[in-house]
Amino acid sequence: MSFPSLAHLIEAARAWVRGSYATEAAVELLVHHGTWLERSDFLRMAVEYVPGVYADAPYAVISWDTIHSAMYNGLLPCSGAEAAILRIALSLAEGHPVDLGPAIIRLDKRNLMYVLAAIRHASGDRSSWGTIPQDTP
């Protein structure tokens, strides 16, 4: 399956999760982190792009359970920080347990800010992403 541009994929994923703060937060964490939605293996394995299903809006359905299984079976090789972001997103979206201490220490300042924004978003604050300074390395 071919996927649309990254911008269209992001909008389709956002359309799919709209209305569920925790799942919105998980998708936004992946979007802001910037790695996972650009990986062809991730997309092929766990994302179904459905063009124009509801009210002519495309959806990008993410199979969180497939991601969880693939990750823990070594099918998504990645850095420690990338794994931490994905584990936290899985926890937000589907409640998969994450050992937060080891996950957090793998993150640089920018990724930690993304995680904190995701947690705020999950609690109902959709404006949390706008609080991340642009110059944070």
N, C-alpha and C. Protein backbone atom coordinates (compact mmCIF):
# COMPACT_ATOMS: atom_id res chain seq x y z
N MET A 1 0.84 -1.18 0.00
CA MET A 1 0.00 0.00 0.00
C MET A 1 0.88 1.24 0.00
N SER A 2 0.50 2.21 -0.79
CA SER A 2 1.24 3.46 -0.78
C SER A 2 0.53 4.44 0.15
N PHE A 3 1.34 5.25 0.77
CA PHE A 3 0.82 6.22 1.72
C PHE A 3 0.88 7.61 1.12
N PRO A 4 0.01 8.50 1.56
CA PRO A 4 0.06 9.88 1.07
C PRO A 4 1.28 10.59 1.64
N SER A 5 1.39 11.85 1.36
CA SER A 5 2.48 12.65 1.93
C SER A 5 2.40 12.60 3.45
N LEU A 6 3.50 12.92 4.09
CA LEU A 6 3.54 12.92 5.56
C LEU A 6 2.48 13.85 6.13
N ALA A 7 2.32 15.02 5.55
CA ALA A 7 1.33 15.98 6.05
C ALA A 7 -0.08 15.39 5.98
N HIS A 8 -0.42 14.72 4.88
CA HIS A 8 -1.74 14.11 4.75
C HIS A 8 -1.90 12.93 5.70
N LEU A 9 -0.84 12.17 5.89
CA LEU A 9 -0.89 11.05 6.83
C LEU A 9 -1.14 11.55 8.25
N ILE A 10 -0.46 12.61 8.63
CA ILE A 10 -0.63 13.18 9.96
C ILE A 10 -2.07 13.66 10.15
N GLU A 11 -2.61 14.37 9.18
CA GLU A 11 -3.99 14.85 9.30
C GLU A 11 -4.97 13.69 9.37
N ALA A 12 -4.70 12.62 8.61
CA ALA A 12 -5.59 11.45 8.63
C ALA A 12 -5.52 10.74 9.99
N ALA A 13 -4.33 10.67 10.58
CA ALA A 13 -4.19 10.06 11.91
C ALA A 13 -4.90 10.92 12.96
N ARG A 14 -4.76 12.23 12.85
CA ARG A 14 -5.45 13.13 13.78
C ARG A 14 -6.97 13.00 13.65
N ALA A 15 -7.45 12.86 12.43
CA ALA A 15 -8.90 12.70 12.21
C ALA A 15 -9.39 11.40 12.85
N TRP A 16 -8.60 10.36 12.76
CA TRP A 16 -8.99 9.06 13.31
C TRP A 16 -9.13 9.10 14.83
N VAL A 17 -8.27 9.82 15.53
CA VAL A 17 -8.28 9.79 17.00
C VAL A 17 -9.04 10.95 17.64
N ARG A 18 -9.53 11.87 16.82
CA ARG A 18 -10.19 13.07 17.35
C ARG A 18 -11.28 12.69 18.35
N GLY A 19 -11.21 13.29 19.53
CA GLY A 19 -12.23 13.06 20.54
C GLY A 19 -11.75 12.22 21.71
N SER A 20 -10.62 11.58 21.58
CA SER A 20 -10.06 10.79 22.68
C SER A 20 -8.74 11.42 23.10
N TYR A 21 -8.75 12.16 24.20
CA TYR A 21 -7.55 12.90 24.61
C TYR A 21 -6.30 12.02 24.69
N ALA A 22 -6.40 10.86 25.29
CA ALA A 22 -5.22 10.02 25.47
C ALA A 22 -4.68 9.52 24.13
N THR A 23 -5.56 9.10 23.24
CA THR A 23 -5.10 8.62 21.94
C THR A 23 -4.62 9.77 21.08
N GLU A 24 -5.28 10.92 21.18
CA GLU A 24 -4.78 12.12 20.50
C GLU A 24 -3.36 12.41 20.97
N ALA A 25 -3.13 12.32 22.27
CA ALA A 25 -1.81 12.60 22.84
C ALA A 25 -0.76 11.64 22.30
N ALA A 26 -1.12 10.38 22.16
CA ALA A 26 -0.19 9.38 21.63
C ALA A 26 0.18 9.71 20.19
N VAL A 27 -0.81 10.05 19.38
CA VAL A 27 -0.55 10.40 17.98
C VAL A 27 0.30 11.67 17.91
N GLU A 28 -0.05 12.67 18.70
CA GLU A 28 0.73 13.91 18.69
C GLU A 28 2.17 13.67 19.13
N LEU A 29 2.37 12.77 20.08
CA LEU A 29 3.74 12.44 20.50
C LEU A 29 4.52 11.86 19.32
N LEU A 30 3.90 10.97 18.56
CA LEU A 30 4.57 10.41 17.38
C LEU A 30 4.82 11.48 16.32
N VAL A 31 3.85 12.35 16.13
CA VAL A 31 3.98 13.42 15.14
C VAL A 31 5.13 14.35 15.51
N HIS A 32 5.14 14.83 16.74
CA HIS A 32 6.16 15.79 17.15
C HIS A 32 7.55 15.15 17.24
N HIS A 33 7.62 13.91 17.66
CA HIS A 33 8.92 13.23 17.72
C HIS A 33 9.52 13.14 16.33
N GLY A 34 8.68 12.84 15.35
CA GLY A 34 9.12 12.93 13.97
C GLY A 34 9.77 11.72 13.34
N THR A 35 9.94 10.64 14.04
CA THR A 35 10.60 9.48 13.45
C THR A 35 9.62 8.42 12.96
N TRP A 36 8.71 8.03 13.82
CA TRP A 36 7.91 6.83 13.55
C TRP A 36 7.01 6.96 12.33
N LEU A 37 6.37 8.07 12.13
CA LEU A 37 5.46 8.21 10.99
C LEU A 37 6.19 8.39 9.66
N GLU A 38 7.50 8.44 9.72
CA GLU A 38 8.30 8.53 8.50
C GLU A 38 8.98 7.21 8.16
N ARG A 39 8.83 6.21 9.02
CA ARG A 39 9.48 4.92 8.78
C ARG A 39 8.56 3.99 7.98
N SER A 40 9.05 3.53 6.85
CA SER A 40 8.22 2.68 6.00
C SER A 40 7.89 1.35 6.67
N ASP A 41 8.81 0.80 7.47
CA ASP A 41 8.51 -0.46 8.14
C ASP A 41 7.38 -0.28 9.16
N PHE A 42 7.40 0.81 9.88
CA PHE A 42 6.35 1.13 10.85
C PHE A 42 5.02 1.30 10.14
N LEU A 43 5.02 2.08 9.08
CA LEU A 43 3.78 2.33 8.34
C LEU A 43 3.22 1.05 7.74
N ARG A 44 4.07 0.28 7.11
CA ARG A 44 3.64 -0.98 6.49
C ARG A 44 3.06 -1.94 7.51
N MET A 45 3.69 -1.98 8.66
CA MET A 45 3.32 -2.94 9.70
C MET A 45 2.08 -2.53 10.48
N ALA A 46 1.90 -1.25 10.75
CA ALA A 46 0.92 -0.87 11.76
C ALA A 46 -0.04 0.25 11.41
N VAL A 47 0.03 0.77 10.20
CA VAL A 47 -0.85 1.88 9.84
C VAL A 47 -1.66 1.51 8.60
N GLU A 48 -2.94 1.70 8.71
CA GLU A 48 -3.82 1.50 7.56
C GLU A 48 -4.39 2.85 7.16
N TYR A 49 -4.09 3.28 5.96
CA TYR A 49 -4.61 4.54 5.44
C TYR A 49 -5.90 4.24 4.71
N VAL A 50 -6.98 4.87 5.15
CA VAL A 50 -8.30 4.65 4.58
C VAL A 50 -8.79 5.99 4.01
N PRO A 51 -8.71 6.14 2.69
CA PRO A 51 -9.10 7.43 2.10
C PRO A 51 -10.61 7.64 2.10
N GLY A 52 -11.04 8.80 2.56
CA GLY A 52 -12.41 9.26 2.47
C GLY A 52 -13.51 8.36 2.97
N VAL A 53 -13.35 7.74 4.11
CA VAL A 53 -14.38 6.84 4.62
C VAL A 53 -15.53 7.60 5.25
N TYR A 54 -15.24 8.46 6.19
CA TYR A 54 -16.28 9.17 6.93
C TYR A 54 -16.29 10.64 6.52
N ALA A 55 -17.41 11.07 5.98
CA ALA A 55 -17.57 12.47 5.57
C ALA A 55 -16.43 12.91 4.65
N ASP A 56 -16.01 12.00 3.81
CA ASP A 56 -14.94 12.25 2.84
C ASP A 56 -13.60 12.60 3.47
N ALA A 57 -13.44 12.34 4.75
CA ALA A 57 -12.17 12.60 5.42
C ALA A 57 -11.37 11.29 5.50
N PRO A 58 -10.12 11.32 5.05
CA PRO A 58 -9.31 10.10 5.18
C PRO A 58 -8.94 9.84 6.64
N TYR A 59 -8.76 8.59 6.95
CA TYR A 59 -8.32 8.17 8.28
C TYR A 59 -7.03 7.38 8.13
N ALA A 60 -6.16 7.51 9.10
CA ALA A 60 -4.97 6.66 9.20
C ALA A 60 -5.10 5.93 10.53
N VAL A 61 -5.45 4.68 10.46
CA VAL A 61 -5.70 3.86 11.64
C VAL A 61 -4.39 3.21 12.08
N ILE A 62 -4.01 3.45 13.31
CA ILE A 62 -2.78 2.89 13.86
C ILE A 62 -3.13 1.69 14.72
N SER A 63 -2.52 0.56 14.43
CA SER A 63 -2.74 -0.64 15.22
C SER A 63 -1.73 -0.67 16.37
N TRP A 64 -2.16 -0.15 17.50
CA TRP A 64 -1.28 -0.07 18.67
C TRP A 64 -0.83 -1.45 19.13
N ASP A 65 -1.73 -2.43 19.08
CA ASP A 65 -1.35 -3.78 19.50
C ASP A 65 -0.31 -4.39 18.57
N THR A 66 -0.41 -4.10 17.28
CA THR A 66 0.60 -4.59 16.33
C THR A 66 1.94 -3.96 16.64
N ILE A 67 1.94 -2.66 16.92
CA ILE A 67 3.18 -1.97 17.26
C ILE A 67 3.79 -2.58 18.53
N HIS A 68 2.96 -2.77 19.53
CA HIS A 68 3.42 -3.35 20.79
C HIS A 68 4.07 -4.70 20.54
N SER A 69 3.40 -5.55 19.82
CA SER A 69 3.92 -6.88 19.53
C SER A 69 5.22 -6.81 18.72
N ALA A 70 5.24 -5.98 17.70
CA ALA A 70 6.43 -5.85 16.86
C ALA A 70 7.61 -5.32 17.65
N MET A 71 7.36 -4.35 18.49
CA MET A 71 8.43 -3.77 19.28
C MET A 71 9.05 -4.78 20.24
N TYR A 72 8.21 -5.50 20.92
CA TYR A 72 8.71 -6.45 21.91
C TYR A 72 9.23 -7.75 21.31
N ASN A 73 9.01 -7.92 20.00
CA ASN A 73 9.58 -9.07 19.30
C ASN A 73 10.76 -8.67 18.43
N GLY A 74 11.26 -7.44 18.61
CA GLY A 74 12.45 -6.99 17.91
C GLY A 74 12.26 -6.68 16.44
N LEU A 75 11.04 -6.42 16.01
CA LEU A 75 10.78 -6.17 14.60
C LEU A 75 10.84 -4.68 14.23
N LEU A 76 11.04 -3.83 15.23
CA LEU A 76 11.18 -2.40 14.98
C LEU A 76 12.48 -1.90 15.63
N PRO A 77 13.62 -2.22 15.04
CA PRO A 77 14.89 -1.78 15.63
C PRO A 77 14.94 -0.26 15.69
N CYS A 78 15.45 0.25 16.82
CA CYS A 78 15.48 1.70 16.99
C CYS A 78 16.42 2.05 18.15
N SER A 79 16.65 3.32 18.30
CA SER A 79 17.48 3.81 19.41
C SER A 79 16.69 3.72 20.72
N GLY A 80 17.38 3.88 21.82
CA GLY A 80 16.72 3.87 23.12
C GLY A 80 15.69 4.98 23.27
N ALA A 81 16.00 6.16 22.76
CA ALA A 81 15.07 7.28 22.85
C ALA A 81 13.84 7.03 21.97
N GLU A 82 14.04 6.50 20.78
CA GLU A 82 12.91 6.18 19.90
C GLU A 82 12.01 5.13 20.54
N ALA A 83 12.62 4.14 21.16
CA ALA A 83 11.84 3.10 21.84
C ALA A 83 11.06 3.69 23.01
N ALA A 84 11.68 4.60 23.74
CA ALA A 84 11.01 5.22 24.88
C ALA A 84 9.79 6.02 24.42
N ILE A 85 9.94 6.79 23.35
CA ILE A 85 8.81 7.56 22.82
C ILE A 85 7.69 6.62 22.41
N LEU A 86 8.04 5.55 21.71
CA LEU A 86 7.01 4.62 21.26
C LEU A 86 6.33 3.91 22.42
N ARG A 87 7.09 3.52 23.43
CA ARG A 87 6.49 2.88 24.61
C ARG A 87 5.53 3.83 25.34
N ILE A 88 5.92 5.07 25.46
CA ILE A 88 5.06 6.06 26.12
C ILE A 88 3.79 6.28 25.30
N ALA A 89 3.93 6.37 23.98
CA ALA A 89 2.76 6.52 23.11
C ALA A 89 1.84 5.30 23.25
N LEU A 90 2.41 4.11 23.30
CA LEU A 90 1.61 2.89 23.49
C LEU A 90 0.87 2.92 24.82
N SER A 91 1.52 3.41 25.83
CA SER A 91 0.88 3.49 27.14
C SER A 91 -0.28 4.48 27.13
N LEU A 92 -0.07 5.63 26.50
CA LEU A 92 -1.14 6.62 26.41
C LEU A 92 -2.33 6.10 25.60
N ALA A 93 -2.04 5.47 24.47
CA ALA A 93 -3.09 5.06 23.55
C ALA A 93 -3.87 3.84 24.03
N GLU A 94 -3.16 2.86 24.58
CA GLU A 94 -3.80 1.57 24.88
C GLU A 94 -3.56 1.08 26.30
N GLY A 95 -2.83 1.84 27.08
CA GLY A 95 -2.59 1.42 28.46
C GLY A 95 -1.52 0.36 28.61
N HIS A 96 -0.70 0.15 27.58
CA HIS A 96 0.40 -0.80 27.72
C HIS A 96 1.37 -0.26 28.77
N PRO A 97 1.77 -1.10 29.70
CA PRO A 97 2.67 -0.63 30.77
C PRO A 97 4.00 -0.12 30.22
N VAL A 98 4.48 0.93 30.82
CA VAL A 98 5.80 1.46 30.48
C VAL A 98 6.52 1.75 31.79
N ASP A 99 7.77 1.35 31.86
CA ASP A 99 8.59 1.65 33.02
C ASP A 99 9.13 3.06 32.82
N LEU A 100 8.45 4.02 33.42
CA LEU A 100 8.68 5.43 33.12
C LEU A 100 10.10 5.90 33.45
N GLY A 101 10.65 5.44 34.56
CA GLY A 101 12.00 5.88 34.95
C GLY A 101 13.03 5.63 33.86
N PRO A 102 13.21 4.37 33.45
CA PRO A 102 14.18 4.10 32.38
C PRO A 102 13.82 4.77 31.05
N ALA A 103 12.53 4.94 30.79
CA ALA A 103 12.14 5.60 29.54
C ALA A 103 12.56 7.06 29.55
N ILE A 104 12.31 7.74 30.64
CA ILE A 104 12.59 9.18 30.73
C ILE A 104 14.09 9.48 30.65
N ILE A 105 14.92 8.67 31.28
CA ILE A 105 16.35 8.99 31.27
C ILE A 105 16.98 8.84 29.89
N ARG A 106 16.28 8.23 28.95
CA ARG A 106 16.80 8.08 27.59
C ARG A 106 16.49 9.30 26.71
N LEU A 107 15.72 10.24 27.23
CA LEU A 107 15.24 11.34 26.41
C LEU A 107 16.09 12.60 26.56
N ASP A 108 16.30 13.28 25.44
CA ASP A 108 16.93 14.59 25.51
C ASP A 108 15.87 15.61 25.92
N LYS A 109 16.28 16.85 26.07
CA LYS A 109 15.37 17.88 26.59
C LYS A 109 14.14 18.06 25.71
N ARG A 110 14.32 18.09 24.38
CA ARG A 110 13.19 18.29 23.48
C ARG A 110 12.20 17.14 23.58
N ASN A 111 12.69 15.91 23.55
CA ASN A 111 11.78 14.76 23.64
C ASN A 111 11.09 14.68 24.99
N LEU A 112 11.77 15.08 26.04
CA LEU A 112 11.13 15.13 27.35
C LEU A 112 9.99 16.16 27.34
N MET A 113 10.21 17.28 26.68
CA MET A 113 9.14 18.28 26.57
C MET A 113 7.96 17.73 25.77
N TYR A 114 8.24 16.93 24.75
CA TYR A 114 7.15 16.29 23.99
C TYR A 114 6.34 15.35 24.88
N VAL A 115 7.04 14.57 25.69
CA VAL A 115 6.35 13.63 26.59
C VAL A 115 5.49 14.40 27.59
N LEU A 116 6.04 15.46 28.16
CA LEU A 116 5.27 16.26 29.12
C LEU A 116 4.04 16.90 28.45
N ALA A 117 4.21 17.37 27.21
CA ALA A 117 3.07 17.93 26.48
C ALA A 117 2.03 16.84 26.21
N ALA A 118 2.48 15.64 25.89
CA ALA A 118 1.56 14.53 25.64
C ALA A 118 0.77 14.18 26.90
N ILE A 119 1.43 14.19 28.03
CA ILE A 119 0.75 13.90 29.29
C ILE A 119 -0.30 14.98 29.58
N ARG A 120 0.07 16.23 29.36
CA ARG A 120 -0.90 17.31 29.56
C ARG A 120 -2.07 17.19 28.59
N HIS A 121 -1.77 16.84 27.35
CA HIS A 121 -2.83 16.66 26.35
C HIS A 121 -3.76 15.53 26.79
N ALA A 122 -3.19 14.43 27.24
CA ALA A 122 -4.01 13.29 27.67
C ALA A 122 -4.95 13.67 28.80
N SER A 123 -4.56 14.66 29.59
CA SER A 123 -5.41 15.08 30.69
C SER A 123 -6.42 16.15 30.26
N GLY A 124 -6.44 16.49 28.98
CA GLY A 124 -7.44 17.40 28.46
C GLY A 124 -6.94 18.74 27.97
N ASP A 125 -5.63 18.96 27.99
CA ASP A 125 -5.07 20.25 27.59
C ASP A 125 -4.49 20.15 26.18
N ARG A 126 -5.32 20.42 25.19
CA ARG A 126 -4.85 20.34 23.79
C ARG A 126 -3.88 21.47 23.43
N SER A 127 -3.80 22.49 24.25
CA SER A 127 -2.90 23.61 23.95
C SER A 127 -1.46 23.33 24.39
N SER A 128 -1.23 22.20 25.02
CA SER A 128 0.09 21.92 25.59
C SER A 128 1.21 21.91 24.56
N TRP A 129 0.91 21.57 23.32
CA TRP A 129 1.96 21.49 22.29
C TRP A 129 2.49 22.88 21.93
N GLY A 130 1.69 23.89 22.12
CA GLY A 130 2.11 25.24 21.81
C GLY A 130 3.05 25.83 22.84
N THR A 131 3.27 25.13 23.93
CA THR A 131 4.13 25.64 25.00
C THR A 131 5.59 25.19 24.85
N ILE A 132 5.90 24.43 23.80
CA ILE A 132 7.25 23.93 23.61
C ILE A 132 8.07 24.99 22.86
N PRO A 133 9.12 25.49 23.47
CA PRO A 133 9.94 26.51 22.80
C PRO A 133 10.54 25.94 21.50
N GLN A 134 10.57 26.76 20.46
CA GLN A 134 11.09 26.32 19.18
C GLN A 134 12.60 26.08 19.19
N ASP A 135 13.32 26.74 20.07
CA ASP A 135 14.77 26.63 20.07
C ASP A 135 15.31 25.55 21.00
N THR A 136 14.44 24.72 21.55
CA THR A 136 14.91 23.66 22.44
C THR A 136 15.66 22.61 21.62
N PRO A 137 16.93 22.35 21.98
CA PRO A 137 17.70 21.36 21.22
C PRO A 137 17.21 19.95 21.47
